[in-house]
Amino acid sequence: MMTQKVLVLFAHPSQHRSEVNLPLFDVAKKVSGVTTVDLYAEYPTFNINIDREQKRLREHDVIIFQFPLYWYSTPAILKEWQDLVLEYTFAYGTGGDALVDKTFFCSLTAGAKVDAYRAEGYNHFTIRQLLYPLEQMASLTGMYYLPPLALFGSRTALEENRIDNHLAEWRHLLQLLVAGDLDRERASQLEKLNHYLNDDPRMMEAVK
């Protein structure tokens, strides 16, 4: 397959407290074929450059939102980014086909354990259900939506020695995307992209 250009839009308003997201962002910076943007660093006053962001979107094949889950959604700047950048006639509506057939998904961390994200759990919904607004955004703009790559229990991930494995999964996923080796149809049926990686024998080599 053709190689793909991957864009990671990183949003974390409290980076001085980050134990997982900053290492994830650092990994993405080192993968060839991946463009990384720290939205809070680039737009500290939320004065988003719409033309620049739309140009970035046009130039990439895969769009990833990377963030810690805040109140069952994204940090504020990602909502502002969507409201301003995904304009009518650019991302949807008459002539708005700039994002058609691009791949979109979220790489996120959540403080609660995975069992909290189910109908009978503390948060009452699965992580994929909580991201339905973003899934619908992708649908309206013609992008191919994939389930999230998620790390649950992020508050205790460091002490439980779970971060290195997740970093390896993230690196491998980015490499698959750049190489055009991800089976989008199969991946789209899953609750999390973690499950796709767990079934990939190459992942076993990546974590060694």
N, C-alpha and C. Protein backbone atom coordinates (compact mmCIF):
# COMPACT_ATOMS: atom_id res chain seq x y z
N MET A 1 0.83 -1.20 0.00
CA MET A 1 0.00 0.00 0.00
C MET A 1 0.87 1.26 0.00
N MET A 2 0.27 2.37 -0.37
CA MET A 2 0.95 3.66 -0.35
C MET A 2 1.20 4.08 1.08
N THR A 3 2.33 4.74 1.31
CA THR A 3 2.58 5.29 2.64
C THR A 3 1.62 6.44 2.90
N GLN A 4 1.35 6.67 4.18
CA GLN A 4 0.40 7.70 4.57
C GLN A 4 1.06 8.73 5.48
N LYS A 5 0.58 9.95 5.40
CA LYS A 5 1.04 11.02 6.28
C LYS A 5 0.09 11.11 7.47
N VAL A 6 0.65 11.05 8.66
CA VAL A 6 -0.14 11.01 9.89
C VAL A 6 0.02 12.32 10.66
N LEU A 7 -1.10 12.87 11.12
CA LEU A 7 -1.10 14.12 11.90
C LEU A 7 -1.63 13.83 13.30
N VAL A 8 -0.82 14.12 14.32
CA VAL A 8 -1.23 13.97 15.71
C VAL A 8 -1.46 15.35 16.31
N LEU A 9 -2.70 15.62 16.69
CA LEU A 9 -3.06 16.87 17.35
C LEU A 9 -3.18 16.60 18.85
N PHE A 10 -2.22 17.09 19.59
CA PHE A 10 -2.08 16.80 21.02
C PHE A 10 -2.68 17.93 21.85
N ALA A 11 -3.53 17.57 22.82
CA ALA A 11 -4.16 18.57 23.68
C ALA A 11 -4.10 18.12 25.13
N HIS A 12 -3.29 18.81 25.93
CA HIS A 12 -3.20 18.53 27.37
C HIS A 12 -2.95 19.85 28.09
N PRO A 13 -3.95 20.34 28.83
CA PRO A 13 -3.81 21.65 29.48
C PRO A 13 -2.95 21.64 30.74
N SER A 14 -2.62 20.46 31.27
CA SER A 14 -1.83 20.37 32.51
C SER A 14 -0.63 19.45 32.29
N GLN A 15 0.21 19.82 31.37
CA GLN A 15 1.30 18.94 30.97
C GLN A 15 2.32 18.69 32.08
N HIS A 16 2.42 19.61 33.03
CA HIS A 16 3.36 19.42 34.13
C HIS A 16 2.96 18.26 35.03
N ARG A 17 1.71 17.80 34.90
CA ARG A 17 1.25 16.67 35.71
C ARG A 17 1.12 15.39 34.88
N SER A 18 1.52 15.45 33.63
CA SER A 18 1.32 14.30 32.73
C SER A 18 2.38 13.23 32.95
N GLU A 19 1.93 12.00 33.19
CA GLU A 19 2.83 10.86 33.30
C GLU A 19 2.76 9.95 32.07
N VAL A 20 1.70 10.11 31.29
CA VAL A 20 1.49 9.22 30.14
C VAL A 20 1.45 9.99 28.83
N ASN A 21 0.68 11.06 28.78
CA ASN A 21 0.47 11.73 27.50
C ASN A 21 1.73 12.38 26.93
N LEU A 22 2.55 12.98 27.77
CA LEU A 22 3.79 13.56 27.25
C LEU A 22 4.73 12.49 26.69
N PRO A 23 4.93 11.37 27.37
CA PRO A 23 5.72 10.30 26.75
C PRO A 23 5.12 9.80 25.44
N LEU A 24 3.79 9.72 25.37
CA LEU A 24 3.14 9.32 24.12
C LEU A 24 3.44 10.32 23.01
N PHE A 25 3.35 11.59 23.33
CA PHE A 25 3.62 12.63 22.34
C PHE A 25 5.08 12.58 21.90
N ASP A 26 5.98 12.33 22.84
CA ASP A 26 7.40 12.22 22.50
C ASP A 26 7.66 11.05 21.55
N VAL A 27 6.96 9.94 21.77
CA VAL A 27 7.08 8.79 20.87
C VAL A 27 6.65 9.18 19.47
N ALA A 28 5.51 9.86 19.37
CA ALA A 28 4.98 10.25 18.06
C ALA A 28 5.96 11.16 17.31
N LYS A 29 6.65 12.02 18.04
CA LYS A 29 7.62 12.94 17.42
C LYS A 29 8.74 12.19 16.70
N LYS A 30 9.03 10.99 17.17
CA LYS A 30 10.18 10.24 16.66
C LYS A 30 9.83 9.25 15.55
N VAL A 31 8.55 9.16 15.20
CA VAL A 31 8.15 8.23 14.15
C VAL A 31 8.16 8.95 12.80
N SER A 32 8.94 8.45 11.88
CA SER A 32 9.03 9.05 10.55
C SER A 32 7.68 8.99 9.86
N GLY A 33 7.27 10.11 9.26
CA GLY A 33 5.99 10.17 8.57
C GLY A 33 4.87 10.72 9.42
N VAL A 34 5.19 11.06 10.68
CA VAL A 34 4.19 11.60 11.60
C VAL A 34 4.49 13.07 11.89
N THR A 35 3.48 13.92 11.74
CA THR A 35 3.57 15.33 12.11
C THR A 35 2.89 15.52 13.45
N THR A 36 3.54 16.19 14.38
CA THR A 36 2.98 16.38 15.72
C THR A 36 2.74 17.86 15.99
N VAL A 37 1.59 18.16 16.60
CA VAL A 37 1.23 19.54 16.93
C VAL A 37 0.73 19.58 18.37
N ASP A 38 1.37 20.39 19.20
CA ASP A 38 0.92 20.62 20.57
C ASP A 38 0.01 21.85 20.54
N LEU A 39 -1.29 21.62 20.58
CA LEU A 39 -2.24 22.72 20.38
C LEU A 39 -2.17 23.77 21.49
N TYR A 40 -2.01 23.35 22.74
CA TYR A 40 -1.93 24.33 23.82
C TYR A 40 -0.65 25.16 23.74
N ALA A 41 0.44 24.57 23.27
CA ALA A 41 1.68 25.33 23.10
C ALA A 41 1.57 26.28 21.91
N GLU A 42 0.92 25.84 20.86
CA GLU A 42 0.83 26.65 19.65
C GLU A 42 -0.21 27.76 19.77
N TYR A 43 -1.26 27.50 20.54
CA TYR A 43 -2.33 28.48 20.67
C TYR A 43 -2.67 28.71 22.15
N PRO A 44 -1.77 29.31 22.91
CA PRO A 44 -2.00 29.50 24.35
C PRO A 44 -3.19 30.39 24.67
N THR A 45 -3.58 31.26 23.73
CA THR A 45 -4.75 32.12 23.94
C THR A 45 -5.97 31.64 23.15
N PHE A 46 -5.87 30.42 22.59
CA PHE A 46 -6.96 29.82 21.80
C PHE A 46 -7.22 30.58 20.50
N ASN A 47 -6.28 31.39 20.06
CA ASN A 47 -6.43 32.12 18.80
C ASN A 47 -5.96 31.23 17.66
N ILE A 48 -6.81 30.30 17.27
CA ILE A 48 -6.44 29.24 16.33
C ILE A 48 -6.36 29.79 14.90
N ASN A 49 -5.27 29.47 14.23
CA ASN A 49 -5.07 29.88 12.85
C ASN A 49 -5.81 28.89 11.94
N ILE A 50 -6.97 29.28 11.48
CA ILE A 50 -7.83 28.37 10.73
C ILE A 50 -7.19 27.94 9.42
N ASP A 51 -6.61 28.87 8.69
CA ASP A 51 -5.99 28.53 7.41
C ASP A 51 -4.85 27.53 7.60
N ARG A 52 -4.03 27.74 8.63
CA ARG A 52 -2.92 26.83 8.89
C ARG A 52 -3.42 25.43 9.22
N GLU A 53 -4.44 25.36 10.05
CA GLU A 53 -4.96 24.05 10.46
C GLU A 53 -5.65 23.33 9.30
N GLN A 54 -6.36 24.06 8.47
CA GLN A 54 -6.99 23.43 7.32
C GLN A 54 -5.94 22.93 6.33
N LYS A 55 -4.86 23.67 6.19
CA LYS A 55 -3.76 23.23 5.32
C LYS A 55 -3.15 21.93 5.85
N ARG A 56 -2.96 21.87 7.16
CA ARG A 56 -2.44 20.64 7.76
C ARG A 56 -3.36 19.46 7.47
N LEU A 57 -4.63 19.66 7.61
CA LEU A 57 -5.58 18.58 7.36
C LEU A 57 -5.52 18.11 5.92
N ARG A 58 -5.45 19.05 5.00
CA ARG A 58 -5.38 18.67 3.58
C ARG A 58 -4.13 17.85 3.28
N GLU A 59 -3.05 18.14 3.98
CA GLU A 59 -1.76 17.52 3.67
C GLU A 59 -1.56 16.15 4.31
N HIS A 60 -2.50 15.70 5.14
CA HIS A 60 -2.34 14.43 5.85
C HIS A 60 -3.48 13.47 5.55
N ASP A 61 -3.18 12.19 5.69
CA ASP A 61 -4.14 11.13 5.40
C ASP A 61 -4.82 10.58 6.65
N VAL A 62 -4.13 10.68 7.78
CA VAL A 62 -4.65 10.16 9.05
C VAL A 62 -4.62 11.29 10.07
N ILE A 63 -5.76 11.52 10.73
CA ILE A 63 -5.88 12.57 11.73
C ILE A 63 -6.13 11.92 13.08
N ILE A 64 -5.30 12.25 14.07
CA ILE A 64 -5.43 11.67 15.41
C ILE A 64 -5.55 12.78 16.44
N PHE A 65 -6.57 12.70 17.29
CA PHE A 65 -6.65 13.54 18.47
C PHE A 65 -6.01 12.78 19.63
N GLN A 66 -4.99 13.34 20.25
CA GLN A 66 -4.36 12.71 21.42
C GLN A 66 -4.63 13.58 22.64
N PHE A 67 -5.22 12.98 23.69
CA PHE A 67 -5.63 13.79 24.84
C PHE A 67 -5.97 12.91 26.05
N PRO A 68 -5.96 13.51 27.25
CA PRO A 68 -6.54 12.85 28.41
C PRO A 68 -8.04 13.12 28.43
N LEU A 69 -8.82 12.12 28.79
CA LEU A 69 -10.27 12.29 28.83
C LEU A 69 -10.64 13.25 29.95
N TYR A 70 -11.32 14.34 29.59
CA TYR A 70 -11.77 15.35 30.57
C TYR A 70 -13.30 15.38 30.56
N TRP A 71 -13.91 15.01 31.67
CA TRP A 71 -15.36 15.03 31.77
C TRP A 71 -16.03 14.37 30.56
N TYR A 72 -15.55 13.18 30.24
CA TYR A 72 -16.12 12.34 29.19
C TYR A 72 -15.99 12.96 27.80
N SER A 73 -15.03 13.83 27.63
CA SER A 73 -14.86 14.50 26.34
C SER A 73 -13.39 14.92 26.20
N THR A 74 -13.14 15.77 25.23
CA THR A 74 -11.79 16.28 24.99
C THR A 74 -11.52 17.51 25.84
N PRO A 75 -10.26 17.86 26.05
CA PRO A 75 -9.94 19.17 26.62
C PRO A 75 -10.51 20.28 25.72
N ALA A 76 -10.70 21.45 26.31
CA ALA A 76 -11.45 22.52 25.66
C ALA A 76 -10.90 22.94 24.31
N ILE A 77 -9.58 22.96 24.15
CA ILE A 77 -9.02 23.49 22.91
C ILE A 77 -9.36 22.62 21.71
N LEU A 78 -9.58 21.32 21.92
CA LEU A 78 -9.97 20.46 20.80
C LEU A 78 -11.39 20.76 20.35
N LYS A 79 -12.26 21.13 21.27
CA LYS A 79 -13.62 21.53 20.88
C LYS A 79 -13.56 22.86 20.12
N GLU A 80 -12.75 23.79 20.62
CA GLU A 80 -12.58 25.07 19.92
C GLU A 80 -12.00 24.84 18.52
N TRP A 81 -11.04 23.95 18.44
CA TRP A 81 -10.43 23.62 17.15
C TRP A 81 -11.48 23.10 16.18
N GLN A 82 -12.32 22.19 16.62
CA GLN A 82 -13.38 21.66 15.75
C GLN A 82 -14.34 22.76 15.32
N ASP A 83 -14.76 23.58 16.28
CA ASP A 83 -15.74 24.63 15.98
C ASP A 83 -15.24 25.61 14.93
N LEU A 84 -13.94 25.90 14.96
CA LEU A 84 -13.39 26.91 14.06
C LEU A 84 -12.84 26.33 12.76
N VAL A 85 -12.17 25.21 12.83
CA VAL A 85 -11.44 24.67 11.68
C VAL A 85 -12.35 23.90 10.72
N LEU A 86 -13.30 23.16 11.26
CA LEU A 86 -14.14 22.30 10.41
C LEU A 86 -15.31 23.10 9.85
N GLU A 87 -14.99 24.02 8.99
CA GLU A 87 -15.97 24.96 8.46
C GLU A 87 -16.85 24.35 7.37
N TYR A 88 -18.01 24.95 7.21
CA TYR A 88 -18.90 24.65 6.09
C TYR A 88 -18.18 25.02 4.80
N THR A 89 -18.33 24.20 3.80
CA THR A 89 -17.68 24.26 2.48
C THR A 89 -16.21 23.79 2.53
N PHE A 90 -15.66 23.59 3.73
CA PHE A 90 -14.34 22.96 3.84
C PHE A 90 -14.49 21.51 4.27
N ALA A 91 -15.16 21.29 5.40
CA ALA A 91 -15.26 19.94 5.97
C ALA A 91 -16.61 19.28 5.73
N TYR A 92 -17.61 20.05 5.39
CA TYR A 92 -18.94 19.49 5.14
C TYR A 92 -19.75 20.50 4.33
N GLY A 93 -20.92 20.08 3.90
CA GLY A 93 -21.78 20.96 3.12
C GLY A 93 -21.35 21.05 1.67
N THR A 94 -21.88 22.03 0.96
CA THR A 94 -21.60 22.20 -0.46
C THR A 94 -20.11 22.38 -0.71
N GLY A 95 -19.53 21.44 -1.43
CA GLY A 95 -18.10 21.52 -1.74
C GLY A 95 -17.18 21.19 -0.59
N GLY A 96 -17.73 20.83 0.56
CA GLY A 96 -16.92 20.58 1.75
C GLY A 96 -16.42 19.16 1.83
N ASP A 97 -15.49 18.81 0.96
CA ASP A 97 -15.03 17.42 0.86
C ASP A 97 -13.54 17.26 1.17
N ALA A 98 -12.95 18.22 1.89
CA ALA A 98 -11.50 18.18 2.13
C ALA A 98 -11.06 16.99 2.97
N LEU A 99 -11.96 16.43 3.76
CA LEU A 99 -11.58 15.36 4.68
C LEU A 99 -12.07 13.98 4.25
N VAL A 100 -12.72 13.91 3.11
CA VAL A 100 -13.33 12.64 2.68
C VAL A 100 -12.29 11.54 2.56
N ASP A 101 -12.58 10.41 3.19
CA ASP A 101 -11.79 9.18 3.19
C ASP A 101 -10.48 9.27 3.97
N LYS A 102 -10.26 10.35 4.69
CA LYS A 102 -9.14 10.36 5.62
C LYS A 102 -9.52 9.51 6.83
N THR A 103 -8.55 8.98 7.53
CA THR A 103 -8.78 8.16 8.71
C THR A 103 -8.72 9.04 9.95
N PHE A 104 -9.66 8.80 10.88
CA PHE A 104 -9.69 9.59 12.12
C PHE A 104 -9.90 8.68 13.32
N PHE A 105 -9.15 8.95 14.39
CA PHE A 105 -9.42 8.27 15.67
C PHE A 105 -8.77 9.06 16.80
N CYS A 106 -9.03 8.62 18.02
CA CYS A 106 -8.49 9.26 19.22
C CYS A 106 -7.51 8.34 19.93
N SER A 107 -6.43 8.91 20.41
CA SER A 107 -5.53 8.23 21.33
C SER A 107 -5.71 8.92 22.67
N LEU A 108 -6.27 8.21 23.64
CA LEU A 108 -6.65 8.87 24.88
C LEU A 108 -6.23 8.09 26.11
N THR A 109 -6.18 8.81 27.22
CA THR A 109 -5.97 8.20 28.52
C THR A 109 -7.16 8.53 29.39
N ALA A 110 -7.50 7.60 30.28
CA ALA A 110 -8.63 7.79 31.19
C ALA A 110 -8.19 7.38 32.59
N GLY A 111 -8.56 8.18 33.57
CA GLY A 111 -8.13 7.91 34.93
C GLY A 111 -8.76 6.68 35.54
N ALA A 112 -10.02 6.42 35.19
CA ALA A 112 -10.74 5.28 35.78
C ALA A 112 -10.31 3.97 35.14
N LYS A 113 -10.52 2.89 35.87
CA LYS A 113 -10.21 1.55 35.36
C LYS A 113 -11.18 1.18 34.24
N VAL A 114 -10.81 0.21 33.44
CA VAL A 114 -11.61 -0.18 32.28
C VAL A 114 -13.00 -0.64 32.68
N ASP A 115 -13.15 -1.28 33.84
CA ASP A 115 -14.47 -1.77 34.26
C ASP A 115 -15.46 -0.65 34.51
N ALA A 116 -14.98 0.56 34.69
CA ALA A 116 -15.88 1.70 34.91
C ALA A 116 -16.59 2.12 33.63
N TYR A 117 -16.05 1.69 32.48
CA TYR A 117 -16.60 2.10 31.19
C TYR A 117 -17.42 0.98 30.57
N ARG A 118 -18.57 0.73 31.17
CA ARG A 118 -19.54 -0.24 30.67
C ARG A 118 -20.89 0.13 31.24
N ALA A 119 -21.95 -0.46 30.69
CA ALA A 119 -23.31 -0.07 31.06
C ALA A 119 -23.54 -0.18 32.56
N GLU A 120 -23.03 -1.24 33.18
CA GLU A 120 -23.25 -1.45 34.61
C GLU A 120 -22.12 -0.87 35.46
N GLY A 121 -21.17 -0.18 34.84
CA GLY A 121 -20.04 0.38 35.56
C GLY A 121 -20.29 1.79 36.07
N TYR A 122 -19.27 2.34 36.69
CA TYR A 122 -19.37 3.65 37.33
C TYR A 122 -19.76 4.75 36.34
N ASN A 123 -19.26 4.67 35.11
CA ASN A 123 -19.51 5.72 34.11
C ASN A 123 -20.65 5.40 33.15
N HIS A 124 -21.26 4.21 33.28
CA HIS A 124 -22.50 3.84 32.58
C HIS A 124 -22.39 3.64 31.07
N PHE A 125 -21.29 4.03 30.46
CA PHE A 125 -21.14 3.92 29.01
C PHE A 125 -19.75 3.37 28.68
N THR A 126 -19.64 2.72 27.54
CA THR A 126 -18.32 2.30 27.06
C THR A 126 -17.56 3.52 26.55
N ILE A 127 -16.26 3.37 26.41
CA ILE A 127 -15.47 4.49 25.92
C ILE A 127 -15.88 4.85 24.49
N ARG A 128 -16.23 3.87 23.70
CA ARG A 128 -16.64 4.18 22.32
C ARG A 128 -17.96 4.95 22.32
N GLN A 129 -18.88 4.60 23.21
CA GLN A 129 -20.14 5.34 23.29
C GLN A 129 -19.91 6.78 23.72
N LEU A 130 -19.00 7.00 24.65
CA LEU A 130 -18.73 8.36 25.11
C LEU A 130 -18.13 9.22 24.01
N LEU A 131 -17.53 8.59 23.03
CA LEU A 131 -16.92 9.32 21.92
C LEU A 131 -17.85 9.46 20.71
N TYR A 132 -19.13 9.11 20.87
CA TYR A 132 -20.07 9.21 19.75
C TYR A 132 -20.08 10.59 19.08
N PRO A 133 -20.00 11.71 19.81
CA PRO A 133 -19.96 13.01 19.12
C PRO A 133 -18.80 13.12 18.13
N LEU A 134 -17.65 12.57 18.49
CA LEU A 134 -16.51 12.60 17.57
C LEU A 134 -16.70 11.63 16.42
N GLU A 135 -17.35 10.51 16.70
CA GLU A 135 -17.65 9.56 15.62
C GLU A 135 -18.60 10.19 14.61
N GLN A 136 -19.59 10.95 15.12
CA GLN A 136 -20.52 11.62 14.21
C GLN A 136 -19.83 12.75 13.45
N MET A 137 -18.90 13.45 14.10
CA MET A 137 -18.12 14.47 13.40
C MET A 137 -17.38 13.85 12.23
N ALA A 138 -16.76 12.70 12.47
CA ALA A 138 -16.05 12.01 11.40
C ALA A 138 -17.00 11.60 10.29
N SER A 139 -18.17 11.11 10.67
CA SER A 139 -19.16 10.69 9.67
C SER A 139 -19.62 11.86 8.81
N LEU A 140 -19.93 12.97 9.44
CA LEU A 140 -20.43 14.13 8.71
C LEU A 140 -19.39 14.68 7.74
N THR A 141 -18.13 14.60 8.13
CA THR A 141 -17.07 15.14 7.29
C THR A 141 -16.50 14.12 6.31
N GLY A 142 -17.04 12.91 6.32
CA GLY A 142 -16.62 11.89 5.36
C GLY A 142 -15.37 11.13 5.73
N MET A 143 -14.92 11.27 6.98
CA MET A 143 -13.73 10.54 7.40
C MET A 143 -14.09 9.12 7.83
N TYR A 144 -13.10 8.25 7.79
CA TYR A 144 -13.26 6.85 8.19
C TYR A 144 -12.91 6.76 9.66
N TYR A 145 -13.90 6.48 10.50
CA TYR A 145 -13.71 6.50 11.94
C TYR A 145 -13.22 5.16 12.47
N LEU A 146 -12.21 5.22 13.32
CA LEU A 146 -11.72 4.04 14.01
C LEU A 146 -11.91 4.21 15.51
N PRO A 147 -12.05 3.11 16.24
CA PRO A 147 -12.18 3.19 17.70
C PRO A 147 -10.90 3.74 18.31
N PRO A 148 -10.96 4.17 19.56
CA PRO A 148 -9.77 4.79 20.17
C PRO A 148 -8.71 3.79 20.58
N LEU A 149 -7.49 4.28 20.65
CA LEU A 149 -6.44 3.59 21.39
C LEU A 149 -6.50 4.17 22.79
N ALA A 150 -6.73 3.34 23.80
CA ALA A 150 -7.01 3.86 25.14
C ALA A 150 -6.15 3.20 26.20
N LEU A 151 -5.71 4.02 27.15
CA LEU A 151 -5.06 3.52 28.36
C LEU A 151 -5.95 3.90 29.53
N PHE A 152 -6.51 2.90 30.19
CA PHE A 152 -7.35 3.13 31.36
C PHE A 152 -6.51 3.06 32.63
N GLY A 153 -7.07 3.59 33.71
CA GLY A 153 -6.33 3.59 34.97
C GLY A 153 -5.01 4.34 34.86
N SER A 154 -5.04 5.45 34.14
CA SER A 154 -3.78 6.16 33.85
C SER A 154 -3.12 6.73 35.10
N ARG A 155 -3.91 6.98 36.14
CA ARG A 155 -3.34 7.54 37.37
C ARG A 155 -2.36 6.58 38.05
N THR A 156 -2.57 5.30 37.84
CA THR A 156 -1.72 4.29 38.48
C THR A 156 -0.85 3.53 37.48
N ALA A 157 -0.85 3.97 36.23
CA ALA A 157 -0.12 3.24 35.18
C ALA A 157 1.38 3.22 35.44
N LEU A 158 1.92 4.31 35.97
CA LEU A 158 3.36 4.37 36.21
C LEU A 158 3.77 3.38 37.29
N GLU A 159 3.09 3.41 38.42
CA GLU A 159 3.47 2.52 39.53
C GLU A 159 3.18 1.06 39.21
N GLU A 160 2.26 0.81 38.29
CA GLU A 160 1.93 -0.56 37.90
C GLU A 160 2.74 -1.03 36.68
N ASN A 161 3.66 -0.20 36.24
CA ASN A 161 4.57 -0.55 35.14
C ASN A 161 3.82 -0.90 33.85
N ARG A 162 2.79 -0.12 33.54
CA ARG A 162 2.01 -0.38 32.33
C ARG A 162 2.31 0.60 31.20
N ILE A 163 3.10 1.61 31.47
CA ILE A 163 3.30 2.67 30.48
C ILE A 163 4.16 2.21 29.31
N ASP A 164 5.23 1.49 29.59
CA ASP A 164 6.13 1.08 28.50
C ASP A 164 5.42 0.24 27.45
N ASN A 165 4.56 -0.66 27.89
CA ASN A 165 3.82 -1.49 26.93
C ASN A 165 2.89 -0.64 26.08
N HIS A 166 2.25 0.34 26.70
CA HIS A 166 1.34 1.21 25.94
C HIS A 166 2.11 2.07 24.95
N LEU A 167 3.27 2.55 25.35
CA LEU A 167 4.11 3.31 24.43
C LEU A 167 4.51 2.47 23.22
N ALA A 168 4.80 1.20 23.47
CA ALA A 168 5.17 0.30 22.37
C ALA A 168 3.98 0.07 21.45
N GLU A 169 2.78 -0.07 22.02
CA GLU A 169 1.58 -0.23 21.19
C GLU A 169 1.36 1.00 20.32
N TRP A 170 1.51 2.17 20.91
CA TRP A 170 1.32 3.43 20.21
C TRP A 170 2.32 3.58 19.06
N ARG A 171 3.57 3.29 19.34
CA ARG A 171 4.61 3.37 18.31
C ARG A 171 4.30 2.41 17.16
N HIS A 172 3.92 1.20 17.50
CA HIS A 172 3.62 0.20 16.47
C HIS A 172 2.41 0.62 15.65
N LEU A 173 1.40 1.16 16.30
CA LEU A 173 0.21 1.62 15.58
C LEU A 173 0.57 2.74 14.61
N LEU A 174 1.34 3.70 15.05
CA LEU A 174 1.75 4.79 14.15
C LEU A 174 2.54 4.26 12.96
N GLN A 175 3.41 3.31 13.21
CA GLN A 175 4.19 2.72 12.11
C GLN A 175 3.30 1.97 11.12
N LEU A 176 2.30 1.26 11.63
CA LEU A 176 1.34 0.58 10.75
C LEU A 176 0.60 1.59 9.88
N LEU A 177 0.19 2.69 10.49
CA LEU A 177 -0.56 3.71 9.76
C LEU A 177 0.30 4.35 8.68
N VAL A 178 1.52 4.70 9.01
CA VAL A 178 2.42 5.32 8.03
C VAL A 178 2.67 4.37 6.86
N ALA A 179 2.83 3.10 7.17
CA ALA A 179 3.09 2.10 6.13
C ALA A 179 1.85 1.72 5.33
N GLY A 180 0.68 2.16 5.79
CA GLY A 180 -0.57 1.79 5.12
C GLY A 180 -0.96 0.35 5.36
N ASP A 181 -0.51 -0.22 6.49
CA ASP A 181 -0.72 -1.64 6.77
C ASP A 181 -1.87 -1.91 7.73
N LEU A 182 -2.61 -0.91 8.14
CA LEU A 182 -3.73 -1.13 9.06
C LEU A 182 -4.98 -1.50 8.28
N ASP A 183 -5.63 -2.58 8.67
CA ASP A 183 -6.89 -3.02 8.06
C ASP A 183 -8.03 -2.20 8.68
N ARG A 184 -8.43 -1.13 8.01
CA ARG A 184 -9.43 -0.23 8.58
C ARG A 184 -10.76 -0.92 8.83
N GLU A 185 -11.17 -1.76 7.91
CA GLU A 185 -12.47 -2.41 8.06
C GLU A 185 -12.51 -3.29 9.31
N ARG A 186 -11.46 -4.07 9.51
CA ARG A 186 -11.42 -4.93 10.69
C ARG A 186 -11.30 -4.10 11.96
N ALA A 187 -10.45 -3.09 11.93
CA ALA A 187 -10.24 -2.25 13.11
C ALA A 187 -11.50 -1.50 13.52
N SER A 188 -12.29 -1.09 12.54
CA SER A 188 -13.48 -0.28 12.83
C SER A 188 -14.55 -1.05 13.59
N GLN A 189 -14.49 -2.37 13.58
CA GLN A 189 -15.50 -3.18 14.26
C GLN A 189 -15.21 -3.37 15.74
N LEU A 190 -14.06 -2.93 16.21
CA LEU A 190 -13.63 -3.20 17.57
C LEU A 190 -14.02 -2.08 18.52
N GLU A 191 -14.01 -2.39 19.80
CA GLU A 191 -14.27 -1.38 20.83
C GLU A 191 -13.07 -0.45 21.01
N LYS A 192 -11.87 -1.01 20.90
CA LYS A 192 -10.64 -0.26 21.06
C LYS A 192 -9.60 -0.75 20.05
N LEU A 193 -8.73 0.13 19.62
CA LEU A 193 -7.65 -0.28 18.73
C LEU A 193 -6.64 -1.17 19.45
N ASN A 194 -6.63 -1.10 20.77
CA ASN A 194 -5.76 -1.99 21.55
C ASN A 194 -6.01 -3.45 21.17
N HIS A 195 -7.28 -3.81 20.94
CA HIS A 195 -7.62 -5.18 20.59
C HIS A 195 -7.02 -5.58 19.25
N TYR A 196 -7.00 -4.64 18.31
CA TYR A 196 -6.39 -4.90 17.00
C TYR A 196 -4.91 -5.20 17.17
N LEU A 197 -4.24 -4.41 17.99
CA LEU A 197 -2.80 -4.59 18.19
C LEU A 197 -2.50 -5.89 18.93
N ASN A 198 -3.38 -6.26 19.86
CA ASN A 198 -3.17 -7.49 20.62
C ASN A 198 -3.23 -8.72 19.72
N ASP A 199 -3.94 -8.61 18.59
CA ASP A 199 -4.06 -9.73 17.65
C ASP A 199 -2.98 -9.72 16.58
N ASP A 200 -2.11 -8.72 16.60
CA ASP A 200 -1.07 -8.58 15.58
C ASP A 200 0.21 -9.25 16.09
N PRO A 201 0.66 -10.34 15.46
CA PRO A 201 1.88 -11.01 15.93
C PRO A 201 3.11 -10.11 15.92
N ARG A 202 3.10 -9.09 15.08
CA ARG A 202 4.24 -8.17 15.03
C ARG A 202 4.34 -7.34 16.31
N MET A 203 3.19 -7.22 17.01
CA MET A 203 3.20 -6.46 18.26
C MET A 203 4.04 -7.15 19.31
N MET A 204 4.06 -8.47 19.30
CA MET A 204 4.86 -9.22 20.26
C MET A 204 6.34 -8.89 20.09
N GLU A 205 6.75 -8.71 18.84
CA GLU A 205 8.15 -8.34 18.59
C GLU A 205 8.42 -6.91 19.03
N ALA A 206 7.40 -6.04 18.85
CA ALA A 206 7.59 -4.63 19.15
C ALA A 206 7.80 -4.36 20.63
N VAL A 207 7.22 -5.21 21.49
CA VAL A 207 7.31 -4.97 22.93
C VAL A 207 8.49 -5.69 23.57
N LYS A 208 9.24 -6.48 22.79
CA LYS A 208 10.39 -7.18 23.35
C LYS A 208 11.51 -6.21 23.71
